Amino acid sequence: MSDLIWLTDAQMERLEPFFPKSRGKARVDDRRVLSGIIFVNRNGLRWRDAPAVYGPPKTLYNRWVRWSRMGVFARMLVELADAGRDDSLTMIDATHLKTHRTASSLRGSKGGADASSGARRAA
């Protein structure tokens, strides 16, 4: 696969301060596992569909769960986002939601089955 993700030495140097200290048995290669976690999340894969070059899927999953519970990934993202913050730039979110025309009938108070049955009772 040519589209595999591998973190560079510079990227790993920036991320290493966020890694928890290893206790007892040495951890499997952080670069390989973290690159695999990024690959799985980026492509929306199941853990078992991760390419074998990243190691066993169970290792990827266990590290992701353990570090997520410890807040490692959240700290990484917050710190890296703060370091790259450009206060001269402001972004506006233009997200909007569109509901289906039948969604109003689900409320019950206006339109839909409740309103029509109430009109029949009054007549």
PDB file of N, CA and C in Angstrom:
ATOM      1  N   MET A   1       0.833  -1.180   0.000  1.00  0.00           N
ATOM      2  CA  MET A   1       0.000   0.000   0.000  1.00  0.00           C
ATOM      3  C   MET A   1       0.876   1.241   0.000  1.00  0.00           C
ATOM      4  N   SER A   2       0.621   2.120  -0.911  1.00  0.00           N
ATOM      5  CA  SER A   2       1.421   3.329  -1.001  1.00  0.00           C
ATOM      6  C   SER A   2       0.858   4.462  -0.156  1.00  0.00           C
ATOM      7  N   ASP A   3      -0.363   4.343   0.310  1.00  0.00           N
ATOM      8  CA  ASP A   3      -0.986   5.427   1.067  1.00  0.00           C
ATOM      9  C   ASP A   3      -0.882   5.236   2.580  1.00  0.00           C
ATOM     10  N   LEU A   4       0.084   4.443   3.020  1.00  0.00           N
ATOM     11  CA  LEU A   4       0.275   4.245   4.450  1.00  0.00           C
ATOM     12  C   LEU A   4       0.801   5.526   5.086  1.00  0.00           C
ATOM     13  N   ILE A   5       0.448   5.738   6.334  1.00  0.00           N
ATOM     14  CA  ILE A   5       0.882   6.921   7.066  1.00  0.00           C
ATOM     15  C   ILE A   5       2.017   6.519   8.002  1.00  0.00           C
ATOM     16  N   TRP A   6       3.119   7.259   7.927  1.00  0.00           N
ATOM     17  CA  TRP A   6       4.230   7.055   8.849  1.00  0.00           C
ATOM     18  C   TRP A   6       4.643   8.414   9.379  1.00  0.00           C
ATOM     19  N   LEU A   7       4.638   8.554  10.676  1.00  0.00           N
ATOM     20  CA  LEU A   7       5.064   9.799  11.292  1.00  0.00           C
ATOM     21  C   LEU A   7       6.563   9.987  11.095  1.00  0.00           C
ATOM     22  N   THR A   8       6.977  11.203  10.823  1.00  0.00           N
ATOM     23  CA  THR A   8       8.396  11.502  10.608  1.00  0.00           C
ATOM     24  C   THR A   8       9.111  11.642  11.960  1.00  0.00           C
ATOM     25  N   ASP A   9      10.431  11.730  11.897  1.00  0.00           N
ATOM     26  CA  ASP A   9      11.224  11.924  13.117  1.00  0.00           C
ATOM     27  C   ASP A   9      10.847  13.232  13.800  1.00  0.00           C
ATOM     28  N   ALA A  10      10.664  14.283  13.019  1.00  0.00           N
ATOM     29  CA  ALA A  10      10.304  15.595  13.586  1.00  0.00           C
ATOM     30  C   ALA A  10       8.935  15.532  14.274  1.00  0.00           C
ATOM     31  N   GLN A  11       7.988  14.845  13.654  1.00  0.00           N
ATOM     32  CA  GLN A  11       6.660  14.709  14.260  1.00  0.00           C
ATOM     33  C   GLN A  11       6.727  13.914  15.556  1.00  0.00           C
ATOM     34  N   MET A  12       7.509  12.854  15.553  1.00  0.00           N
ATOM     35  CA  MET A  12       7.637  12.042  16.761  1.00  0.00           C
ATOM     36  C   MET A  12       8.302  12.824  17.891  1.00  0.00           C
ATOM     37  N   GLU A  13       9.275  13.670  17.567  1.00  0.00           N
ATOM     38  CA  GLU A  13       9.925  14.487  18.590  1.00  0.00           C
ATOM     39  C   GLU A  13       8.930  15.441  19.244  1.00  0.00           C
ATOM     40  N   ARG A  14       8.004  15.977  18.450  1.00  0.00           N
ATOM     41  CA  ARG A  14       6.999  16.891  19.007  1.00  0.00           C
ATOM     42  C   ARG A  14       5.977  16.151  19.865  1.00  0.00           C
ATOM     43  N   LEU A  15       5.722  14.883  19.549  1.00  0.00           N
ATOM     44  CA  LEU A  15       4.691  14.120  20.263  1.00  0.00           C
ATOM     45  C   LEU A  15       5.220  13.375  21.481  1.00  0.00           C
ATOM     46  N   GLU A  16       6.499  13.079  21.516  1.00  0.00           N
ATOM     47  CA  GLU A  16       7.056  12.277  22.610  1.00  0.00           C
ATOM     48  C   GLU A  16       6.792  12.821  24.005  1.00  0.00           C
ATOM     49  N   PRO A  17       6.806  14.134  24.231  1.00  0.00           N
ATOM     50  CA  PRO A  17       6.520  14.619  25.585  1.00  0.00           C
ATOM     51  C   PRO A  17       5.122  14.241  26.093  1.00  0.00           C
ATOM     52  N   PHE A  18       4.220  13.913  25.197  1.00  0.00           N
ATOM     53  CA  PHE A  18       2.854  13.566  25.591  1.00  0.00           C
ATOM     54  C   PHE A  18       2.699  12.087  25.942  1.00  0.00           C
ATOM     55  N   PHE A  19       3.652  11.258  25.537  1.00  0.00           N
ATOM     56  CA  PHE A  19       3.547   9.826  25.788  1.00  0.00           C
ATOM     57  C   PHE A  19       3.702   9.545  27.277  1.00  0.00           C
ATOM     58  N   PRO A  20       2.865   8.671  27.816  1.00  0.00           N
ATOM     59  CA  PRO A  20       3.040   8.300  29.225  1.00  0.00           C
ATOM     60  C   PRO A  20       4.325   7.497  29.406  1.00  0.00           C
ATOM     61  N   LYS A  21       4.874   7.566  30.596  1.00  0.00           N
ATOM     62  CA  LYS A  21       6.097   6.820  30.893  1.00  0.00           C
ATOM     63  C   LYS A  21       5.793   5.328  30.870  1.00  0.00           C
ATOM     64  N   SER A  22       6.723   4.571  30.349  1.00  0.00           N
ATOM     65  CA  SER A  22       6.564   3.122  30.281  1.00  0.00           C
ATOM     66  C   SER A  22       6.963   2.512  31.618  1.00  0.00           C
ATOM     67  N   ARG A  23       6.114   1.638  32.113  1.00  0.00           N
ATOM     68  CA  ARG A  23       6.395   0.954  33.380  1.00  0.00           C
ATOM     69  C   ARG A  23       6.575  -0.529  33.102  1.00  0.00           C
ATOM     70  N   GLY A  24       7.577  -1.088  33.689  1.00  0.00           N
ATOM     71  CA  GLY A  24       7.790  -2.526  33.521  1.00  0.00           C
ATOM     72  C   GLY A  24       8.257  -2.857  32.119  1.00  0.00           C
ATOM     73  N   LYS A  25       7.480  -3.684  31.439  1.00  0.00           N
ATOM     74  CA  LYS A  25       7.826  -4.154  30.105  1.00  0.00           C
ATOM     75  C   LYS A  25       7.821  -2.986  29.111  1.00  0.00           C
ATOM     76  N   ALA A  26       8.814  -2.935  28.243  1.00  0.00           N
ATOM     77  CA  ALA A  26       8.917  -1.856  27.258  1.00  0.00           C
ATOM     78  C   ALA A  26       7.757  -1.925  26.264  1.00  0.00           C
ATOM     79  N   ARG A  27       7.285  -0.741  25.863  1.00  0.00           N
ATOM     80  CA  ARG A  27       6.176  -0.662  24.905  1.00  0.00           C
ATOM     81  C   ARG A  27       6.643  -1.047  23.515  1.00  0.00           C
ATOM     82  N   VAL A  28       5.673  -1.472  22.708  1.00  0.00           N
ATOM     83  CA  VAL A  28       5.926  -1.723  21.293  1.00  0.00           C
ATOM     84  C   VAL A  28       6.244  -0.371  20.654  1.00  0.00           C
ATOM     85  N   ASP A  29       6.900  -0.356  19.523  1.00  0.00           N
ATOM     86  CA  ASP A  29       7.318   0.856  18.820  1.00  0.00           C
ATOM     87  C   ASP A  29       6.193   1.885  18.721  1.00  0.00           C
ATOM     88  N   ASP A  30       6.378   3.027  19.382  1.00  0.00           N
ATOM     89  CA  ASP A  30       5.354   4.073  19.411  1.00  0.00           C
ATOM     90  C   ASP A  30       5.049   4.623  18.020  1.00  0.00           C
ATOM     91  N   ARG A  31       6.084   4.784  17.189  1.00  0.00           N
ATOM     92  CA  ARG A  31       5.867   5.323  15.843  1.00  0.00           C
ATOM     93  C   ARG A  31       4.946   4.412  15.031  1.00  0.00           C
ATOM     94  N   ARG A  32       5.210   3.130  15.084  1.00  0.00           N
ATOM     95  CA  ARG A  32       4.413   2.175  14.317  1.00  0.00           C
ATOM     96  C   ARG A  32       2.964   2.168  14.802  1.00  0.00           C
ATOM     97  N   VAL A  33       2.778   2.113  16.118  1.00  0.00           N
ATOM     98  CA  VAL A  33       1.431   2.025  16.677  1.00  0.00           C
ATOM     99  C   VAL A  33       0.652   3.321  16.456  1.00  0.00           C
ATOM    100  N   LEU A  34       1.274   4.452  16.716  1.00  0.00           N
ATOM    101  CA  LEU A  34       0.600   5.733  16.540  1.00  0.00           C
ATOM    102  C   LEU A  34       0.269   5.977  15.065  1.00  0.00           C
ATOM    103  N   SER A  35       1.182   5.603  14.173  1.00  0.00           N
ATOM    104  CA  SER A  35       0.901   5.725  12.743  1.00  0.00           C
ATOM    105  C   SER A  35      -0.282   4.845  12.350  1.00  0.00           C
ATOM    106  N   GLY A  36      -0.361   3.652  12.930  1.00  0.00           N
ATOM    107  CA  GLY A  36      -1.487   2.758  12.660  1.00  0.00           C
ATOM    108  C   GLY A  36      -2.799   3.303  13.180  1.00  0.00           C
ATOM    109  N   ILE A  37      -2.780   3.898  14.367  1.00  0.00           N
ATOM    110  CA  ILE A  37      -3.990   4.495  14.939  1.00  0.00           C
ATOM    111  C   ILE A  37      -4.476   5.633  14.048  1.00  0.00           C
ATOM    112  N   ILE A  38      -3.560   6.469  13.602  1.00  0.00           N
ATOM    113  CA  ILE A  38      -3.923   7.578  12.714  1.00  0.00           C
ATOM    114  C   ILE A  38      -4.498   7.043  11.408  1.00  0.00           C
ATOM    115  N   PHE A  39      -3.875   6.004  10.855  1.00  0.00           N
ATOM    116  CA  PHE A  39      -4.354   5.417   9.599  1.00  0.00           C
ATOM    117  C   PHE A  39      -5.776   4.881   9.746  1.00  0.00           C
ATOM    118  N   VAL A  40      -6.041   4.158  10.817  1.00  0.00           N
ATOM    119  CA  VAL A  40      -7.368   3.579  11.035  1.00  0.00           C
ATOM    120  C   VAL A  40      -8.414   4.683  11.198  1.00  0.00           C
ATOM    121  N   ASN A  41      -8.115   5.681  12.016  1.00  0.00           N
ATOM    122  CA  ASN A  41      -9.073   6.767  12.242  1.00  0.00           C
ATOM    123  C   ASN A  41      -9.279   7.614  10.994  1.00  0.00           C
ATOM    124  N   ARG A  42      -8.222   7.875  10.275  1.00  0.00           N
ATOM    125  CA  ARG A  42      -8.323   8.701   9.067  1.00  0.00           C
ATOM    126  C   ARG A  42      -9.175   8.033   7.992  1.00  0.00           C
ATOM    127  N   ASN A  43      -9.051   6.729   7.875  1.00  0.00           N
ATOM    128  CA  ASN A  43      -9.763   6.005   6.825  1.00  0.00           C
ATOM    129  C   ASN A  43     -11.071   5.381   7.293  1.00  0.00           C
ATOM    130  N   GLY A  44     -11.415   5.550   8.569  1.00  0.00           N
ATOM    131  CA  GLY A  44     -12.672   5.012   9.072  1.00  0.00           C
ATOM    132  C   GLY A  44     -12.737   3.492   9.043  1.00  0.00           C
ATOM    133  N   LEU A  45     -11.629   2.856   9.316  1.00  0.00           N
ATOM    134  CA  LEU A  45     -11.563   1.393   9.260  1.00  0.00           C
ATOM    135  C   LEU A  45     -11.884   0.767  10.608  1.00  0.00           C
ATOM    136  N   ARG A  46     -12.192  -0.519  10.548  1.00  0.00           N
ATOM    137  CA  ARG A  46     -12.254  -1.297  11.778  1.00  0.00           C
ATOM    138  C   ARG A  46     -10.811  -1.614  12.155  1.00  0.00           C
ATOM    139  N   TRP A  47     -10.579  -1.830  13.422  1.00  0.00           N
ATOM    140  CA  TRP A  47      -9.205  -2.105  13.874  1.00  0.00           C
ATOM    141  C   TRP A  47      -8.633  -3.316  13.162  1.00  0.00           C
ATOM    142  N   ARG A  48      -9.447  -4.325  12.951  1.00  0.00           N
ATOM    143  CA  ARG A  48      -8.936  -5.557  12.333  1.00  0.00           C
ATOM    144  C   ARG A  48      -8.612  -5.377  10.850  1.00  0.00           C
ATOM    145  N   ASP A  49      -9.033  -4.251  10.257  1.00  0.00           N
ATOM    146  CA  ASP A  49      -8.727  -3.985   8.857  1.00  0.00           C
ATOM    147  C   ASP A  49      -7.462  -3.152   8.674  1.00  0.00           C
ATOM    148  N   ALA A  50      -6.767  -2.844   9.757  1.00  0.00           N
ATOM    149  CA  ALA A  50      -5.518  -2.078   9.662  1.00  0.00           C
ATOM    150  C   ALA A  50      -4.464  -2.930   8.954  1.00  0.00           C
ATOM    151  N   PRO A  51      -3.652  -2.312   8.101  1.00  0.00           N
ATOM    152  CA  PRO A  51      -2.579  -3.066   7.432  1.00  0.00           C
ATOM    153  C   PRO A  51      -1.642  -3.709   8.453  1.00  0.00           C
ATOM    154  N   ALA A  52      -1.144  -4.879   8.127  1.00  0.00           N
ATOM    155  CA  ALA A  52      -0.305  -5.656   9.042  1.00  0.00           C
ATOM    156  C   ALA A  52       1.000  -4.957   9.396  1.00  0.00           C
ATOM    157  N   VAL A  53       1.455  -4.016   8.563  1.00  0.00           N
ATOM    158  CA  VAL A  53       2.729  -3.341   8.846  1.00  0.00           C
ATOM    159  C   VAL A  53       2.656  -2.515  10.127  1.00  0.00           C
ATOM    160  N   TYR A  54       1.450  -2.168  10.576  1.00  0.00           N
ATOM    161  CA  TYR A  54       1.295  -1.391  11.803  1.00  0.00           C
ATOM    162  C   TYR A  54       1.275  -2.267  13.048  1.00  0.00           C
ATOM    163  N   GLY A  55       1.290  -3.554  12.865  1.00  0.00           N
ATOM    164  CA  GLY A  55       1.284  -4.462  14.003  1.00  0.00           C
ATOM    165  C   GLY A  55      -0.099  -5.066  14.216  1.00  0.00           C
ATOM    166  N   PRO A  56      -0.240  -5.849  15.268  1.00  0.00           N
ATOM    167  CA  PRO A  56      -1.515  -6.508  15.533  1.00  0.00           C
ATOM    168  C   PRO A  56      -2.624  -5.485  15.821  1.00  0.00           C
ATOM    169  N   PRO A  57      -3.808  -5.704  15.266  1.00  0.00           N
ATOM    170  CA  PRO A  57      -4.927  -4.795  15.511  1.00  0.00           C
ATOM    171  C   PRO A  57      -5.251  -4.638  16.993  1.00  0.00           C
ATOM    172  N   LYS A  58      -5.082  -5.698  17.760  1.00  0.00           N
ATOM    173  CA  LYS A  58      -5.356  -5.646  19.195  1.00  0.00           C
ATOM    174  C   LYS A  58      -4.430  -4.649  19.892  1.00  0.00           C
ATOM    175  N   THR A  59      -3.174  -4.588  19.453  1.00  0.00           N
ATOM    176  CA  THR A  59      -2.226  -3.639  20.022  1.00  0.00           C
ATOM    177  C   THR A  59      -2.642  -2.211  19.707  1.00  0.00           C
ATOM    178  N   LEU A  60      -3.038  -1.961  18.458  1.00  0.00           N
ATOM    179  CA  LEU A  60      -3.497  -0.627  18.065  1.00  0.00           C
ATOM    180  C   LEU A  60      -4.703  -0.215  18.898  1.00  0.00           C
ATOM    181  N   TYR A  61      -5.667  -1.112  19.012  1.00  0.00           N
ATOM    182  CA  TYR A  61      -6.894  -0.815  19.756  1.00  0.00           C
ATOM    183  C   TYR A  61      -6.601  -0.577  21.238  1.00  0.00           C
ATOM    184  N   ASN A  62      -5.820  -1.475  21.837  1.00  0.00           N
ATOM    185  CA  ASN A  62      -5.525  -1.334  23.270  1.00  0.00           C
ATOM    186  C   ASN A  62      -4.808  -0.024  23.577  1.00  0.00           C
ATOM    187  N   ARG A  63      -3.846   0.350  22.737  1.00  0.00           N
ATOM    188  CA  ARG A  63      -3.121   1.599  22.963  1.00  0.00           C
ATOM    189  C   ARG A  63      -4.060   2.794  22.793  1.00  0.00           C
ATOM    190  N   TRP A  64      -4.923   2.737  21.782  1.00  0.00           N
ATOM    191  CA  TRP A  64      -5.875   3.824  21.542  1.00  0.00           C
ATOM    192  C   TRP A  64      -6.818   3.989  22.731  1.00  0.00           C
ATOM    193  N   VAL A  65      -7.344   2.881  23.234  1.00  0.00           N
ATOM    194  CA  VAL A  65      -8.263   2.943  24.376  1.00  0.00           C
ATOM    195  C   VAL A  65      -7.536   3.446  25.624  1.00  0.00           C
ATOM    196  N   ARG A  66      -6.392   2.883  25.912  1.00  0.00           N
ATOM    197  CA  ARG A  66      -5.653   3.250  27.118  1.00  0.00           C
ATOM    198  C   ARG A  66      -5.257   4.728  27.094  1.00  0.00           C
ATOM    199  N   TRP A  67      -4.697   5.180  25.981  1.00  0.00           N
ATOM    200  CA  TRP A  67      -4.260   6.572  25.890  1.00  0.00           C
ATOM    201  C   TRP A  67      -5.445   7.528  25.815  1.00  0.00           C
ATOM    202  N   SER A  68      -6.553   7.092  25.246  1.00  0.00           N
ATOM    203  CA  SER A  68      -7.754   7.937  25.219  1.00  0.00           C
ATOM    204  C   SER A  68      -8.279   8.151  26.627  1.00  0.00           C
ATOM    205  N   ARG A  69      -8.339   7.083  27.404  1.00  0.00           N
ATOM    206  CA  ARG A  69      -8.812   7.201  28.790  1.00  0.00           C
ATOM    207  C   ARG A  69      -7.894   8.076  29.629  1.00  0.00           C
ATOM    208  N   MET A  70      -6.600   8.051  29.322  1.00  0.00           N
ATOM    209  CA  MET A  70      -5.629   8.860  30.058  1.00  0.00           C
ATOM    210  C   MET A  70      -5.599  10.309  29.567  1.00  0.00           C
ATOM    211  N   GLY A  71      -6.276  10.587  28.463  1.00  0.00           N
ATOM    212  CA  GLY A  71      -6.307  11.943  27.925  1.00  0.00           C
ATOM    213  C   GLY A  71      -5.078  12.319  27.107  1.00  0.00           C
ATOM    214  N   VAL A  72      -4.306  11.342  26.683  1.00  0.00           N
ATOM    215  CA  VAL A  72      -3.077  11.609  25.930  1.00  0.00           C
ATOM    216  C   VAL A  72      -3.396  12.297  24.602  1.00  0.00           C
ATOM    217  N   PHE A  73      -4.357  11.763  23.862  1.00  0.00           N
ATOM    218  CA  PHE A  73      -4.676  12.328  22.551  1.00  0.00           C
ATOM    219  C   PHE A  73      -5.285  13.722  22.685  1.00  0.00           C
ATOM    220  N   ALA A  74      -6.106  13.921  23.689  1.00  0.00           N
ATOM    221  CA  ALA A  74      -6.709  15.243  23.909  1.00  0.00           C
ATOM    222  C   ALA A  74      -5.622  16.271  24.211  1.00  0.00           C
ATOM    223  N   ARG A  75      -4.661  15.915  25.064  1.00  0.00           N
ATOM    224  CA  ARG A  75      -3.558  16.844  25.371  1.00  0.00           C
ATOM    225  C   ARG A  75      -2.722  17.135  24.135  1.00  0.00           C
ATOM    226  N   MET A  76      -2.467  16.105  23.332  1.00  0.00           N
ATOM    227  CA  MET A  76      -1.704  16.293  22.098  1.00  0.00           C
ATOM    228  C   MET A  76      -2.390  17.317  21.199  1.00  0.00           C
ATOM    229  N   LEU A  77      -3.675  17.116  20.978  1.00  0.00           N
ATOM    230  CA  LEU A  77      -4.397  17.997  20.067  1.00  0.00           C
ATOM    231  C   LEU A  77      -4.494  19.421  20.594  1.00  0.00           C
ATOM    232  N   VAL A  78      -4.758  19.568  21.878  1.00  0.00           N
ATOM    233  CA  VAL A  78      -4.875  20.905  22.457  1.00  0.00           C
ATOM    234  C   VAL A  78      -3.540  21.642  22.384  1.00  0.00           C
ATOM    235  N   GLU A  79      -2.479  20.992  22.800  1.00  0.00           N
ATOM    236  CA  GLU A  79      -1.164  21.638  22.803  1.00  0.00           C
ATOM    237  C   GLU A  79      -0.689  21.971  21.397  1.00  0.00           C
ATOM    238  N   LEU A  80      -0.880  21.050  20.456  1.00  0.00           N
ATOM    239  CA  LEU A  80      -0.441  21.313  19.086  1.00  0.00           C
ATOM    240  C   LEU A  80      -1.286  22.406  18.440  1.00  0.00           C
ATOM    241  N   ALA A  81      -2.568  22.435  18.754  1.00  0.00           N
ATOM    242  CA  ALA A  81      -3.433  23.497  18.215  1.00  0.00           C
ATOM    243  C   ALA A  81      -3.046  24.848  18.799  1.00  0.00           C
ATOM    244  N   ASP A  82      -2.751  24.896  20.100  1.00  0.00           N
ATOM    245  CA  ASP A  82      -2.334  26.151  20.725  1.00  0.00           C
ATOM    246  C   ASP A  82      -1.005  26.649  20.156  1.00  0.00           C
ATOM    247  N   ALA A  83      -0.100  25.728  19.896  1.00  0.00           N
ATOM    248  CA  ALA A  83       1.213  26.109  19.368  1.00  0.00           C
ATOM    249  C   ALA A  83       1.092  26.689  17.962  1.00  0.00           C
ATOM    250  N   GLY A  84       0.118  26.244  17.203  1.00  0.00           N
ATOM    251  CA  GLY A  84      -0.051  26.723  15.836  1.00  0.00           C
ATOM    252  C   GLY A  84      -1.120  27.782  15.695  1.00  0.00           C
ATOM    253  N   ARG A  85      -1.587  28.333  16.803  1.00  0.00           N
ATOM    254  CA  ARG A  85      -2.676  29.316  16.773  1.00  0.00           C
ATOM    255  C   ARG A  85      -2.227  30.605  16.091  1.00  0.00           C
ATOM    256  N   ASP A  86      -3.074  31.091  15.214  1.00  0.00           N
ATOM    257  CA  ASP A  86      -2.844  32.361  14.537  1.00  0.00           C
ATOM    258  C   ASP A  86      -4.024  33.258  14.868  1.00  0.00           C
ATOM    259  N   ASP A  87      -3.803  34.208  15.788  1.00  0.00           N
ATOM    260  CA  ASP A  87      -4.893  35.064  16.239  1.00  0.00           C
ATOM    261  C   ASP A  87      -5.346  36.066  15.190  1.00  0.00           C
ATOM    262  N   SER A  88      -4.607  36.195  14.106  1.00  0.00           N
ATOM    263  CA  SER A  88      -5.011  37.128  13.057  1.00  0.00           C
ATOM    264  C   SER A  88      -6.057  36.512  12.130  1.00  0.00           C
ATOM    265  N   LEU A  89      -6.352  35.236  12.317  1.00  0.00           N
ATOM    266  CA  LEU A  89      -7.293  34.532  11.457  1.00  0.00           C
ATOM    267  C   LEU A  89      -8.536  34.165  12.246  1.00  0.00           C
ATOM    268  N   THR A  90      -9.694  34.482  11.698  1.00  0.00           N
ATOM    269  CA  THR A  90     -10.956  34.122  12.326  1.00  0.00           C
ATOM    270  C   THR A  90     -11.753  33.286  11.340  1.00  0.00           C
ATOM    271  N   MET A  91     -12.322  32.196  11.826  1.00  0.00           N
ATOM    272  CA  MET A  91     -13.115  31.321  10.956  1.00  0.00           C
ATOM    273  C   MET A  91     -14.555  31.302  11.444  1.00  0.00           C
ATOM    274  N   ILE A  92     -15.451  31.249  10.501  1.00  0.00           N
ATOM    275  CA  ILE A  92     -16.873  31.186  10.815  1.00  0.00           C
ATOM    276  C   ILE A  92     -17.404  29.863  10.298  1.00  0.00           C
ATOM    277  N   ASP A  93     -18.143  29.179  11.130  1.00  0.00           N
ATOM    278  CA  ASP A  93     -18.733  27.909  10.738  1.00  0.00           C
ATOM    279  C   ASP A  93     -20.062  28.184  10.054  1.00  0.00           C
ATOM    280  N   ALA A  94     -20.223  27.662   8.853  1.00  0.00           N
ATOM    281  CA  ALA A  94     -21.458  27.882   8.110  1.00  0.00           C
ATOM    282  C   ALA A  94     -22.261  26.588   7.991  1.00  0.00           C
ATOM    283  N   THR A  95     -22.158  25.751   9.006  1.00  0.00           N
ATOM    284  CA  THR A  95     -22.875  24.491   8.986  1.00  0.00           C
ATOM    285  C   THR A  95     -24.368  24.735   9.180  1.00  0.00           C
ATOM    286  N   HIS A  96     -25.177  24.001   8.458  1.00  0.00           N
ATOM    287  CA  HIS A  96     -26.617  24.076   8.669  1.00  0.00           C
ATOM    288  C   HIS A  96     -27.196  22.682   8.504  1.00  0.00           C
ATOM    289  N   LEU A  97     -28.343  22.493   9.084  1.00  0.00           N
ATOM    290  CA  LEU A  97     -29.018  21.205   9.001  1.00  0.00           C
ATOM    291  C   LEU A  97     -30.310  21.370   8.220  1.00  0.00           C
ATOM    292  N   LYS A  98     -30.623  20.382   7.450  1.00  0.00           N
ATOM    293  CA  LYS A  98     -31.859  20.412   6.686  1.00  0.00           C
ATOM    294  C   LYS A  98     -32.687  19.219   7.136  1.00  0.00           C
ATOM    295  N   THR A  99     -33.917  19.485   7.543  1.00  0.00           N
ATOM    296  CA  THR A  99     -34.782  18.385   7.966  1.00  0.00           C
ATOM    297  C   THR A  99     -35.707  17.999   6.833  1.00  0.00           C
ATOM    298  N   HIS A 100     -36.169  16.809   6.907  1.00  0.00           N
ATOM    299  CA  HIS A 100     -37.118  16.322   5.910  1.00  0.00           C
ATOM    300  C   HIS A 100     -38.474  16.971   6.161  1.00  0.00           C
ATOM    301  N   ARG A 101     -39.241  17.177   5.115  1.00  0.00           N
ATOM    302  CA  ARG A 101     -40.520  17.880   5.263  1.00  0.00           C
ATOM    303  C   ARG A 101     -41.508  17.151   6.169  1.00  0.00           C
ATOM    304  N   THR A 102     -41.332  15.855   6.370  1.00  0.00           N
ATOM    305  CA  THR A 102     -42.254  15.127   7.245  1.00  0.00           C
ATOM    306  C   THR A 102     -41.829  15.181   8.706  1.00  0.00           C
ATOM    307  N   ALA A 103     -40.693  15.792   8.995  1.00  0.00           N
ATOM    308  CA  ALA A 103     -40.202  15.835  10.368  1.00  0.00           C
ATOM    309  C   ALA A 103     -41.119  16.647  11.271  1.00  0.00           C
ATOM    310  N   SER A 104     -41.827  17.613  10.750  1.00  0.00           N
ATOM    311  CA  SER A 104     -42.710  18.435  11.586  1.00  0.00           C
ATOM    312  C   SER A 104     -43.888  17.635  12.124  1.00  0.00           C
ATOM    313  N   SER A 105     -44.253  16.571  11.463  1.00  0.00           N
ATOM    314  CA  SER A 105     -45.393  15.771  11.929  1.00  0.00           C
ATOM    315  C   SER A 105     -45.037  14.933  13.150  1.00  0.00           C
ATOM    316  N   LEU A 106     -43.777  14.864  13.510  1.00  0.00           N
ATOM    317  CA  LEU A 106     -43.363  14.041  14.640  1.00  0.00           C
ATOM    318  C   LEU A 106     -43.546  14.752  15.974  1.00  0.00           C
ATOM    319  N   ARG A 107     -43.662  16.070  15.965  1.00  0.00           N
ATOM    320  CA  ARG A 107     -43.788  16.814  17.217  1.00  0.00           C
ATOM    321  C   ARG A 107     -45.128  16.564  17.898  1.00  0.00           C
ATOM    322  N   GLY A 108     -46.201  16.509  17.156  1.00  0.00           N
ATOM    323  CA  GLY A 108     -47.504  16.224  17.749  1.00  0.00           C
ATOM    324  C   GLY A 108     -48.327  17.456  18.058  1.00  0.00           C
ATOM    325  N   SER A 109     -47.709  18.600  18.389  1.00  0.00           N
ATOM    326  CA  SER A 109     -48.511  19.764  18.773  1.00  0.00           C
ATOM    327  C   SER A 109     -48.977  20.560  17.557  1.00  0.00           C
ATOM    328  N   LYS A 110     -48.200  20.646  16.518  1.00  0.00           N
ATOM    329  CA  LYS A 110     -48.605  21.360  15.310  1.00  0.00           C
ATOM    330  C   LYS A 110     -48.541  20.398  14.138  1.00  0.00           C
ATOM    331  N   GLY A 111     -49.566  20.348  13.352  1.00  0.00           N
ATOM    332  CA  GLY A 111     -49.579  19.467  12.188  1.00  0.00           C
ATOM    333  C   GLY A 111     -49.580  18.017  12.617  1.00  0.00           C
ATOM    334  N   GLY A 112     -49.458  17.124  11.697  1.00  0.00           N
ATOM    335  CA  GLY A 112     -49.334  15.714  11.997  1.00  0.00           C
ATOM    336  C   GLY A 112     -50.629  15.087  12.485  1.00  0.00           C
ATOM    337  N   ALA A 113     -50.520  13.914  13.055  1.00  0.00           N
ATOM    338  CA  ALA A 113     -51.677  13.115  13.448  1.00  0.00           C
ATOM    339  C   ALA A 113     -52.468  13.729  14.586  1.00  0.00           C
ATOM    340  N   ASP A 114     -51.788  14.313  15.593  1.00  0.00           N
ATOM    341  CA  ASP A 114     -52.488  14.867  16.743  1.00  0.00           C
ATOM    342  C   ASP A 114     -53.372  16.037  16.368  1.00  0.00           C
ATOM    343  N   ALA A 115     -52.880  16.932  15.521  1.00  0.00           N
ATOM    344  CA  ALA A 115     -53.658  18.108  15.139  1.00  0.00           C
ATOM    345  C   ALA A 115     -54.854  17.718  14.303  1.00  0.00           C
ATOM    346  N   SER A 116     -54.688  16.764  13.382  1.00  0.00           N
ATOM    347  CA  SER A 116     -55.799  16.386  12.501  1.00  0.00           C
ATOM    348  C   SER A 116     -56.847  15.612  13.299  1.00  0.00           C
ATOM    349  N   SER A 117     -56.444  14.796  14.247  1.00  0.00           N
ATOM    350  CA  SER A 117     -57.438  14.050  15.045  1.00  0.00           C
ATOM    351  C   SER A 117     -58.192  14.986  15.967  1.00  0.00           C
ATOM    352  N   GLY A 118     -57.534  16.051  16.461  1.00  0.00           N
ATOM    353  CA  GLY A 118     -58.188  17.032  17.303  1.00  0.00           C
ATOM    354  C   GLY A 118     -59.207  17.823  16.510  1.00  0.00           C
ATOM    355  N   ALA A 119     -58.907  18.110  15.253  1.00  0.00           N
ATOM    356  CA  ALA A 119     -59.843  18.847  14.412  1.00  0.00           C
ATOM    357  C   ALA A 119     -61.076  18.010  14.138  1.00  0.00           C
ATOM    358  N   ARG A 120     -60.889  16.711  13.976  1.00  0.00           N
ATOM    359  CA  ARG A 120     -62.031  15.839  13.730  1.00  0.00           C
ATOM    360  C   ARG A 120     -62.939  15.757  14.967  1.00  0.00           C
ATOM    361  N   ARG A 121     -62.313  15.751  16.148  1.00  0.00           N
ATOM    362  CA  ARG A 121     -63.113  15.665  17.374  1.00  0.00           C
ATOM    363  C   ARG A 121     -63.955  16.927  17.581  1.00  0.00           C
ATOM    364  N   ALA A 122     -63.381  18.074  17.230  1.00  0.00           N
ATOM    365  CA  ALA A 122     -64.095  19.343  17.440  1.00  0.00           C
ATOM    366  C   ALA A 122     -65.266  19.481  16.482  1.00  0.00           C
ATOM    367  N   ALA A 123     -65.232  18.836  15.328  1.00  0.00           N
ATOM    368  CA  ALA A 123     -66.304  18.972  14.338  1.00  0.00           C
ATOM    369  C   ALA A 123     -67.425  18.083  14.664  1.00  0.00           C
TER     370      ALA A 123
END
